[in-house]
N, C-alpha and C. Protein backbone atom coordinates (compact mmCIF):
# COMPACT_ATOMS: atom_id res chain seq x y z
N MET A 1 -1.98 11.85 -5.71
CA MET A 1 -3.01 11.60 -6.70
C MET A 1 -3.05 10.11 -7.01
N LYS A 2 -4.23 9.53 -6.95
CA LYS A 2 -4.40 8.12 -7.24
C LYS A 2 -4.85 7.94 -8.69
N VAL A 3 -4.26 6.97 -9.39
CA VAL A 3 -4.62 6.68 -10.77
C VAL A 3 -5.44 5.40 -10.81
N ILE A 4 -6.55 5.46 -11.53
CA ILE A 4 -7.45 4.32 -11.65
C ILE A 4 -7.56 3.94 -13.12
N LYS A 5 -7.42 2.65 -13.40
CA LYS A 5 -7.55 2.15 -14.77
C LYS A 5 -8.99 1.72 -15.00
N LEU A 6 -9.54 2.10 -16.17
CA LEU A 6 -10.91 1.78 -16.51
C LEU A 6 -10.99 1.09 -17.86
N ILE A 7 -11.98 0.23 -18.01
CA ILE A 7 -12.33 -0.34 -19.31
C ILE A 7 -13.77 0.08 -19.56
N ILE A 8 -13.97 0.84 -20.63
CA ILE A 8 -15.26 1.46 -20.91
C ILE A 8 -16.02 0.71 -21.99
N LYS A 9 -17.32 0.53 -21.75
CA LYS A 9 -18.22 0.00 -22.77
C LYS A 9 -19.23 1.11 -23.06
N VAL A 10 -19.23 1.62 -24.29
CA VAL A 10 -20.12 2.71 -24.66
C VAL A 10 -21.44 2.18 -25.21
N ASN A 11 -22.39 3.07 -25.36
CA ASN A 11 -23.73 2.74 -25.88
C ASN A 11 -24.42 1.66 -25.05
N ALA A 12 -24.19 1.66 -23.75
CA ALA A 12 -24.83 0.69 -22.85
C ALA A 12 -26.24 1.16 -22.51
N ASN A 13 -27.02 0.29 -21.93
CA ASN A 13 -28.39 0.65 -21.53
C ASN A 13 -28.40 1.61 -20.35
N LYS A 14 -27.36 1.52 -19.50
CA LYS A 14 -27.32 2.30 -18.27
C LYS A 14 -25.87 2.68 -17.97
N SER A 15 -25.65 3.89 -17.50
CA SER A 15 -24.31 4.31 -17.09
C SER A 15 -24.08 3.86 -15.65
N GLU A 16 -23.04 3.04 -15.46
CA GLU A 16 -22.77 2.51 -14.12
C GLU A 16 -21.36 1.95 -14.03
N ILE A 17 -20.84 1.92 -12.80
CA ILE A 17 -19.56 1.29 -12.53
C ILE A 17 -19.85 -0.16 -12.19
N LEU A 18 -19.24 -1.07 -12.91
CA LEU A 18 -19.46 -2.50 -12.69
C LEU A 18 -18.39 -3.03 -11.75
N GLU A 19 -17.95 -4.25 -11.98
CA GLU A 19 -16.98 -4.90 -11.10
C GLU A 19 -15.54 -4.54 -11.44
N TYR A 20 -14.65 -4.89 -10.52
CA TYR A 20 -13.21 -4.74 -10.74
C TYR A 20 -12.72 -6.00 -11.41
N ASP A 21 -12.03 -5.85 -12.54
CA ASP A 21 -11.49 -6.98 -13.30
C ASP A 21 -10.08 -7.26 -12.79
N GLU A 22 -9.92 -8.32 -12.01
CA GLU A 22 -8.63 -8.68 -11.43
C GLU A 22 -7.58 -8.96 -12.50
N GLN A 23 -7.98 -9.63 -13.57
CA GLN A 23 -7.04 -10.01 -14.62
C GLN A 23 -6.44 -8.77 -15.30
N LYS A 24 -7.28 -7.79 -15.62
CA LYS A 24 -6.80 -6.57 -16.30
C LYS A 24 -6.45 -5.47 -15.31
N GLN A 25 -6.73 -5.70 -14.04
CA GLN A 25 -6.51 -4.72 -12.98
C GLN A 25 -7.13 -3.37 -13.33
N ALA A 26 -8.43 -3.44 -13.66
CA ALA A 26 -9.17 -2.25 -14.05
C ALA A 26 -10.63 -2.40 -13.68
N TYR A 27 -11.28 -1.25 -13.48
CA TYR A 27 -12.72 -1.25 -13.25
C TYR A 27 -13.43 -1.26 -14.60
N ARG A 28 -14.50 -2.03 -14.70
CA ARG A 28 -15.34 -2.04 -15.89
C ARG A 28 -16.46 -1.03 -15.68
N VAL A 29 -16.68 -0.19 -16.70
CA VAL A 29 -17.67 0.87 -16.60
C VAL A 29 -18.54 0.86 -17.86
N ASN A 30 -19.85 0.85 -17.68
CA ASN A 30 -20.78 1.00 -18.79
C ASN A 30 -21.18 2.47 -18.89
N VAL A 31 -21.22 2.97 -20.12
CA VAL A 31 -21.58 4.37 -20.36
C VAL A 31 -22.68 4.40 -21.41
N LYS A 32 -23.74 5.12 -21.11
CA LYS A 32 -24.87 5.21 -22.02
C LYS A 32 -24.54 6.08 -23.24
N ALA A 33 -23.67 7.03 -23.09
CA ALA A 33 -23.34 7.98 -24.16
C ALA A 33 -22.57 7.32 -25.30
N ALA A 34 -22.68 7.93 -26.47
CA ALA A 34 -21.97 7.46 -27.65
C ALA A 34 -20.54 7.99 -27.64
N PRO A 35 -19.63 7.27 -28.29
CA PRO A 35 -18.22 7.71 -28.30
C PRO A 35 -17.94 8.76 -29.39
N GLU A 36 -18.64 9.86 -29.31
CA GLU A 36 -18.45 10.91 -30.30
C GLU A 36 -18.36 12.27 -29.62
N LYS A 37 -17.44 13.08 -30.07
CA LYS A 37 -17.24 14.44 -29.55
C LYS A 37 -17.04 14.49 -28.04
N GLY A 38 -16.43 13.45 -27.47
CA GLY A 38 -16.11 13.44 -26.05
C GLY A 38 -17.28 13.17 -25.13
N LYS A 39 -18.43 12.79 -25.68
CA LYS A 39 -19.61 12.55 -24.84
C LYS A 39 -19.40 11.41 -23.85
N ALA A 40 -18.81 10.32 -24.31
CA ALA A 40 -18.57 9.18 -23.42
C ALA A 40 -17.55 9.54 -22.35
N ASN A 41 -16.50 10.27 -22.72
CA ASN A 41 -15.50 10.69 -21.74
C ASN A 41 -16.13 11.58 -20.66
N ASN A 42 -16.97 12.51 -21.08
CA ASN A 42 -17.65 13.39 -20.12
C ASN A 42 -18.54 12.59 -19.18
N GLU A 43 -19.20 11.57 -19.71
CA GLU A 43 -20.06 10.73 -18.89
C GLU A 43 -19.25 9.95 -17.85
N VAL A 44 -18.08 9.45 -18.24
CA VAL A 44 -17.21 8.73 -17.31
C VAL A 44 -16.81 9.64 -16.15
N VAL A 45 -16.36 10.84 -16.47
CA VAL A 45 -15.95 11.80 -15.44
C VAL A 45 -17.14 12.12 -14.53
N LYS A 46 -18.30 12.32 -15.11
CA LYS A 46 -19.51 12.65 -14.35
C LYS A 46 -19.88 11.53 -13.37
N ILE A 47 -19.79 10.28 -13.83
CA ILE A 47 -20.11 9.13 -12.97
C ILE A 47 -19.20 9.09 -11.75
N PHE A 48 -17.89 9.24 -11.98
CA PHE A 48 -16.94 9.15 -10.87
C PHE A 48 -17.01 10.36 -9.95
N ARG A 49 -17.24 11.55 -10.48
CA ARG A 49 -17.40 12.73 -9.62
C ARG A 49 -18.62 12.58 -8.72
N LYS A 50 -19.71 12.08 -9.29
CA LYS A 50 -20.94 11.94 -8.52
C LYS A 50 -20.80 10.88 -7.43
N LYS A 51 -20.17 9.74 -7.76
CA LYS A 51 -20.05 8.65 -6.80
C LYS A 51 -19.06 8.96 -5.68
N TYR A 52 -17.90 9.51 -6.03
CA TYR A 52 -16.83 9.70 -5.03
C TYR A 52 -16.70 11.13 -4.53
N LYS A 53 -17.40 12.07 -5.15
CA LYS A 53 -17.41 13.47 -4.73
C LYS A 53 -16.00 14.06 -4.59
N VAL A 54 -15.18 13.76 -5.59
CA VAL A 54 -13.82 14.32 -5.68
C VAL A 54 -13.58 14.78 -7.12
N PRO A 55 -12.64 15.73 -7.32
CA PRO A 55 -12.31 16.13 -8.68
C PRO A 55 -11.69 14.97 -9.45
N VAL A 56 -12.14 14.77 -10.68
CA VAL A 56 -11.68 13.65 -11.51
C VAL A 56 -11.37 14.17 -12.91
N GLU A 57 -10.32 13.64 -13.50
CA GLU A 57 -10.02 13.97 -14.89
C GLU A 57 -9.38 12.77 -15.57
N ILE A 58 -9.58 12.68 -16.87
CA ILE A 58 -8.97 11.60 -17.64
C ILE A 58 -7.53 11.99 -17.93
N ILE A 59 -6.61 11.09 -17.59
CA ILE A 59 -5.18 11.35 -17.80
C ILE A 59 -4.75 10.85 -19.17
N SER A 60 -5.20 9.65 -19.54
CA SER A 60 -4.88 9.12 -20.87
C SER A 60 -6.00 8.21 -21.34
N GLY A 61 -6.03 7.95 -22.65
CA GLY A 61 -7.04 7.09 -23.23
C GLY A 61 -8.24 7.84 -23.74
N PHE A 62 -8.04 9.07 -24.18
CA PHE A 62 -9.16 9.90 -24.64
C PHE A 62 -9.91 9.28 -25.82
N THR A 63 -9.22 8.51 -26.66
CA THR A 63 -9.86 7.89 -27.82
C THR A 63 -9.84 6.37 -27.73
N SER A 64 -9.65 5.85 -26.54
CA SER A 64 -9.55 4.40 -26.35
C SER A 64 -10.60 3.94 -25.35
N LYS A 65 -10.91 2.64 -25.38
CA LYS A 65 -11.84 2.12 -24.37
C LYS A 65 -11.15 1.88 -23.03
N GLU A 66 -9.82 1.88 -23.03
CA GLU A 66 -9.06 1.77 -21.78
C GLU A 66 -8.56 3.17 -21.41
N LYS A 67 -8.91 3.61 -20.22
CA LYS A 67 -8.59 4.97 -19.79
C LYS A 67 -7.94 4.96 -18.41
N LEU A 68 -7.20 6.02 -18.12
CA LEU A 68 -6.65 6.25 -16.80
C LEU A 68 -7.27 7.51 -16.25
N LEU A 69 -7.81 7.43 -15.02
CA LEU A 69 -8.38 8.60 -14.34
C LEU A 69 -7.40 9.06 -13.29
């Protein structure tokens, strides 16, 4: 199982995976959903499942902008 570190920006104009941040060693991801009731987390999982067509789940960071998939 591969672990990916993410930095999430919520309430963005568009949900998308941006660039890899070398300094923080994490992918930057914009999410259109609001950070309430798990909506943003669900959007993150949906983006990665759609792009990579593999099962994805959040391992840690459920209430943080930094997450591990």
